[in-house]
Protein backbone atom coordinates (compact mmCIF):
# COMPACT_ATOMS: atom_id res chain seq x y z
CA MET A 1 -1.20 -6.44 -12.13
CA PHE A 2 -2.26 -5.83 -8.32
CA LYS A 3 -4.91 -7.87 -8.72
CA VAL A 4 -2.95 -10.62 -10.95
CA THR A 5 -0.48 -10.46 -8.10
CA LEU A 6 -2.60 -11.43 -5.38
CA ASP A 7 -4.02 -14.13 -7.19
CA ASP A 8 -0.30 -16.02 -7.65
CA LEU A 9 -0.04 -15.51 -4.02
CA GLN A 10 -3.56 -17.03 -3.47
CA GLU A 11 -2.43 -20.22 -5.80
CA LEU A 12 1.14 -20.50 -4.27
CA LEU A 13 -0.20 -20.45 -0.88
CA GLU A 14 -2.20 -23.72 -1.96
CA ILE A 15 0.79 -25.41 -3.73
CA VAL A 16 3.95 -24.72 -1.43
CA PRO A 17 4.23 -27.55 1.01
CA LYS A 18 4.81 -27.16 4.84
CA LYS A 19 8.20 -28.81 5.79
CA GLU A 20 7.12 -31.59 8.04
CA GLY A 21 9.26 -31.68 11.38
CA LEU A 22 9.55 -27.92 11.94
CA ASP A 23 6.45 -27.47 14.63
CA ARG A 24 4.30 -24.67 13.36
CA ILE A 25 6.98 -23.18 11.06
CA ASP A 26 5.13 -22.50 7.81
CA ARG A 27 8.23 -20.50 5.61
CA GLY A 28 6.15 -20.87 2.50
CA SER A 29 3.42 -18.97 4.09
CA GLU A 30 5.91 -16.82 6.16
CA ILE A 31 7.62 -15.73 2.62
CA LEU A 32 4.23 -14.94 0.72
CA PHE A 33 3.44 -12.74 3.67
CA VAL A 34 6.34 -10.59 3.27
CA GLY A 35 5.38 -10.57 -0.64
CA LEU A 36 1.96 -9.62 0.23
CA ILE A 37 2.49 -7.07 2.55
CA SER A 38 5.44 -5.46 0.26
CA TYR A 39 3.15 -5.55 -3.06
CA PHE A 40 0.46 -3.59 -1.23
CA GLU A 41 3.05 -0.98 -0.13
CA GLY A 42 3.97 -0.82 -3.97
CA PHE A 43 -0.18 -0.46 -4.63
CA LEU A 44 -0.87 2.42 -2.20
CA LYS A 45 2.06 4.39 -3.99
CA GLU A 46 1.08 3.21 -7.63
CA VAL A 47 -2.70 4.88 -6.71
CA PHE A 48 -1.24 7.80 -5.32
CA ALA A 49 0.69 8.11 -8.54
CA SER A 50 -2.01 7.56 -10.67
CA ALA A 51 -4.42 9.97 -9.62
CA ILE A 52 -1.92 12.80 -10.33
CA ASN A 53 -1.30 11.48 -13.82
CA ILE A 54 -4.71 11.62 -14.69
CA ASP A 55 -5.57 15.33 -12.67
CA ASN A 56 -2.13 16.97 -12.50
CA THR A 57 -3.58 19.60 -10.82
CA LEU A 58 -4.34 17.60 -7.49
CA LEU A 59 -0.48 19.04 -7.19
CA HIS A 60 -2.24 22.00 -5.79
CA ASN A 61 -3.59 20.11 -3.62
CA LEU A 62 -0.90 18.43 -2.13
CA GLY A 63 1.05 22.20 -2.09
CA LYS A 64 -1.63 23.89 -0.27
CA ASN A 65 -2.01 20.61 2.39
CA GLY A 66 2.03 21.33 3.03
CA GLN A 67 3.60 18.30 0.94
CA ASP A 68 6.68 19.33 -0.98
CA VAL A 69 6.05 18.38 -5.05
CA SER A 70 9.05 20.07 -6.16
CA ILE A 71 10.58 17.98 -8.45
CA ASP A 72 14.60 17.26 -9.80
CA SER A 73 14.55 19.67 -13.11
CA ARG A 74 16.32 16.67 -14.57
CA ARG A 75 13.47 14.62 -14.77
CA LEU A 76 12.36 16.89 -17.30
CA LEU A 77 15.13 15.82 -19.40
CA VAL A 78 14.28 12.10 -18.66
CA TYR A 79 10.98 12.56 -19.87
CA GLY A 80 10.62 15.53 -22.25
CA GLU A 81 6.83 15.78 -23.10
CA ASN A 82 5.80 12.84 -21.63
CA VAL A 83 6.33 14.24 -18.49
CA TYR A 84 3.19 14.93 -17.44
CA LYS A 85 1.93 11.31 -18.01
CA LYS A 86 4.86 10.44 -15.70
CA LEU A 87 4.61 13.59 -13.13
CA GLY A 88 2.57 11.22 -10.28
CA PHE A 89 5.64 8.58 -10.38
CA VAL A 90 7.90 11.05 -9.81
CA VAL A 91 6.50 13.44 -7.43
CA SER A 92 5.22 10.56 -5.11
CA GLU A 93 9.34 9.31 -5.18
CA ARG A 94 9.89 11.44 -2.30
CA PHE A 95 7.27 10.52 -0.17
CA ASP A 96 7.04 8.20 2.83
CA PHE A 97 4.27 5.61 2.98
CA GLY A 98 5.85 4.02 5.71
CA THR A 99 2.91 4.23 7.78
CA ALA A 100 -0.78 3.83 7.85
CA LYS A 101 -0.53 7.37 9.51
CA LYS A 102 1.73 8.72 6.74
CA ILE A 103 -0.56 7.40 4.17
CA ASN A 104 -3.46 8.72 5.39
CA SER A 105 -2.00 11.94 5.67
CA LEU A 106 -0.58 12.05 1.94
CA TYR A 107 -4.24 10.71 0.78
CA LEU A 108 -6.01 13.42 2.48
CA ALA A 109 -3.55 16.28 1.43
CA LEU A 110 -4.22 14.98 -2.05
CA LEU A 111 -7.68 13.95 -2.42
CA ASN A 112 -9.58 14.11 0.92
CA VAL A 113 -9.26 10.40 1.53
CA SER A 114 -8.50 8.04 4.02
CA PRO A 115 -7.30 4.38 3.14
CA PHE A 116 -7.43 3.37 6.78
CA SER A 117 -9.89 3.71 9.32
CA LYS A 118 -8.67 4.18 12.66
CA ASP A 119 -9.21 0.33 13.18
CA ALA A 120 -7.60 -0.23 10.44
CA VAL A 121 -4.59 2.06 10.92
CA LYS A 122 -3.54 -0.39 14.02
CA GLN A 123 -4.50 -3.15 12.12
CA PHE A 124 -1.84 -2.32 8.95
CA ASP A 125 0.66 -1.32 11.21
CA ARG A 126 0.68 -4.37 12.96
CA LEU A 127 1.51 -6.11 9.98
CA LEU A 128 3.67 -3.84 8.95
CA THR A 129 5.59 -5.06 12.18
CA ASP A 130 5.34 -8.28 11.62
CA ARG A 131 6.64 -7.95 8.28
CA ASN A 132 9.95 -6.01 9.20
CA LEU A 133 10.25 -8.83 12.13
CA ILE A 134 10.50 -11.32 9.19
CA VAL A 135 12.54 -9.03 7.10
CA HIS A 136 15.30 -7.74 9.38
CA HIS A 137 15.23 -10.39 12.33
CA GLY A 138 14.73 -13.42 10.01
CA SER A 139 11.18 -14.30 12.35
CA ASN A 140 12.85 -14.12 15.26
CA TYR A 141 11.56 -12.14 18.68
CA THR A 142 13.03 -8.92 19.31
CA LEU A 143 13.31 -7.68 22.91
CA SER A 144 11.55 -4.22 21.38
CA TYR A 145 9.19 -6.18 19.19
CA LEU A 146 7.79 -7.81 22.39
CA GLU A 147 7.44 -4.62 24.48
CA GLN A 148 5.39 -3.22 21.32
CA THR A 149 3.18 -5.94 20.67
CA LYS A 150 2.98 -7.60 24.04
CA ILE A 151 1.79 -10.95 22.38
CA ALA A 152 4.36 -13.41 24.80
CA SER A 153 6.43 -12.20 27.42
CA ILE A 154 9.72 -10.57 27.04
CA GLU A 155 11.56 -14.10 27.86
CA ASN A 156 10.77 -15.08 24.32
CA ALA A 157 12.96 -12.50 23.46
CA TYR A 158 15.97 -14.02 20.85
CA TRP A 159 14.42 -17.38 21.70
CA ASN A 160 11.12 -18.27 19.93
CA CYS A 161 9.76 -16.25 16.64
CA LEU A 162 6.74 -14.97 15.04
CA ILE A 163 4.56 -17.98 13.62
CA VAL A 164 2.83 -17.12 10.44
CA ASP A 165 0.83 -19.92 8.71
CA LYS A 166 -2.02 -20.02 5.95
CA GLU A 167 -4.61 -18.71 8.24
CA TYR A 168 -2.65 -15.72 9.12
CA PHE A 169 -1.76 -15.36 5.63
CA ARG A 170 -5.41 -15.87 4.72
CA ASP A 171 -6.69 -12.82 7.50
CA ALA A 172 -4.20 -10.75 6.30
CA PHE A 173 -4.91 -11.20 2.28
CA LYS A 174 -8.51 -10.50 3.44
CA PHE A 175 -7.73 -7.20 4.87
CA ILE A 176 -5.35 -6.32 1.99
CA GLU A 177 -7.89 -7.21 -0.70
CA GLU A 178 -10.84 -5.08 1.33
CA THR A 179 -8.49 -1.85 1.67
CA SER A 180 -7.57 -2.16 -1.98
CA ASN A 181 -11.01 -2.53 -2.99
CA LYS A 182 -12.29 0.50 -0.53
CA LEU A 183 -9.60 2.94 -1.93
CA LEU A 184 -10.22 2.52 -5.58
CA LYS A 185 -13.35 3.25 -5.60
CA SER A 186 -12.82 6.19 -3.04
CA VAL A 187 -10.09 7.61 -5.18
CA SER A 188 -12.39 7.19 -8.56
CA THR A 189 -15.14 8.77 -6.64
CA ALA A 190 -13.12 11.79 -5.76
CA LEU A 191 -11.16 11.86 -8.74
CA HIS A 192 -14.73 11.53 -11.20
CA SER A 193 -15.88 14.72 -8.42
CA GLY A 194 -12.72 17.05 -9.05
CA LEU A 195 -12.61 16.42 -12.92
CA THR A 196 -16.44 17.00 -13.65
CA SER A 197 -16.82 19.91 -11.12
CA GLU A 198 -18.47 23.31 -12.39
CA GLY A 199 -16.05 25.22 -14.26
CA LEU A 200 -13.06 22.60 -14.84
CA ARG A 201 -12.69 21.63 -18.55
CA SER A 202 -11.54 17.97 -18.41
CA MET A 203 -10.67 15.60 -21.31
CA GLN A 204 -13.08 13.06 -21.45
CA VAL A 205 -10.14 10.49 -21.40
CA GLN A 206 -9.57 11.89 -17.89
CA ILE A 207 -12.90 11.17 -16.90
CA GLU A 208 -12.79 7.74 -18.25
CA ALA A 209 -9.72 6.83 -16.15
CA ALA A 210 -11.01 8.32 -12.79
CA ALA A 211 -14.11 5.58 -13.44
CA ALA A 212 -11.76 2.71 -14.67
CA LEU A 213 -9.75 2.90 -11.26
CA ALA A 214 -13.30 1.42 -9.75
CA GLU A 215 -13.93 -0.94 -12.42
CA TRP A 216 -10.50 -2.41 -11.61
CA GLY A 217 -11.70 -3.43 -8.19
CA ILE A 218 -9.65 -5.98 -6.66
């Protein structure tokens, strides 16, 4: 579904017109950018949860690496015998995926993989900062935003705004696409390695599911 969503966003980018008379402001690109980052956040959580659904024993890794994997026992009543197919989603709800650093920490604890390189951490956190400025402040510069990003003098606070145009969106889209593909491949490889390790009796369907993650590249 994330692949379909990205395709939809690209199509919308080309058909949403820029309103005349607003200088460089492009509300269409701005809204699509907000959607792009939000859908990507969901994707990061879903891949994490899916890995646990494929191999429930990964919860041992999370617990061993300091993550709280306890769940509300009432969830067992909701899903009954199917809880093991939903376990990843139930457990993941309690985790904070709010920054690149936190996301890396969770994936390292789970599978010893990092979705973001050192440079990518800075890039994604900047995208999050821009998205939050749009969502919470209508794209208008705040003093704290300008102090953090240093993209303009503080005199611009509460007067000028962040400009998100088609070029900005395409750059963000390329980053998200590349990061997503990298993540799917690294998670698939790590899962397969664990499932086929000596002494572990994995079902063939688990091994096939792990392989499918890489095949579903963005």
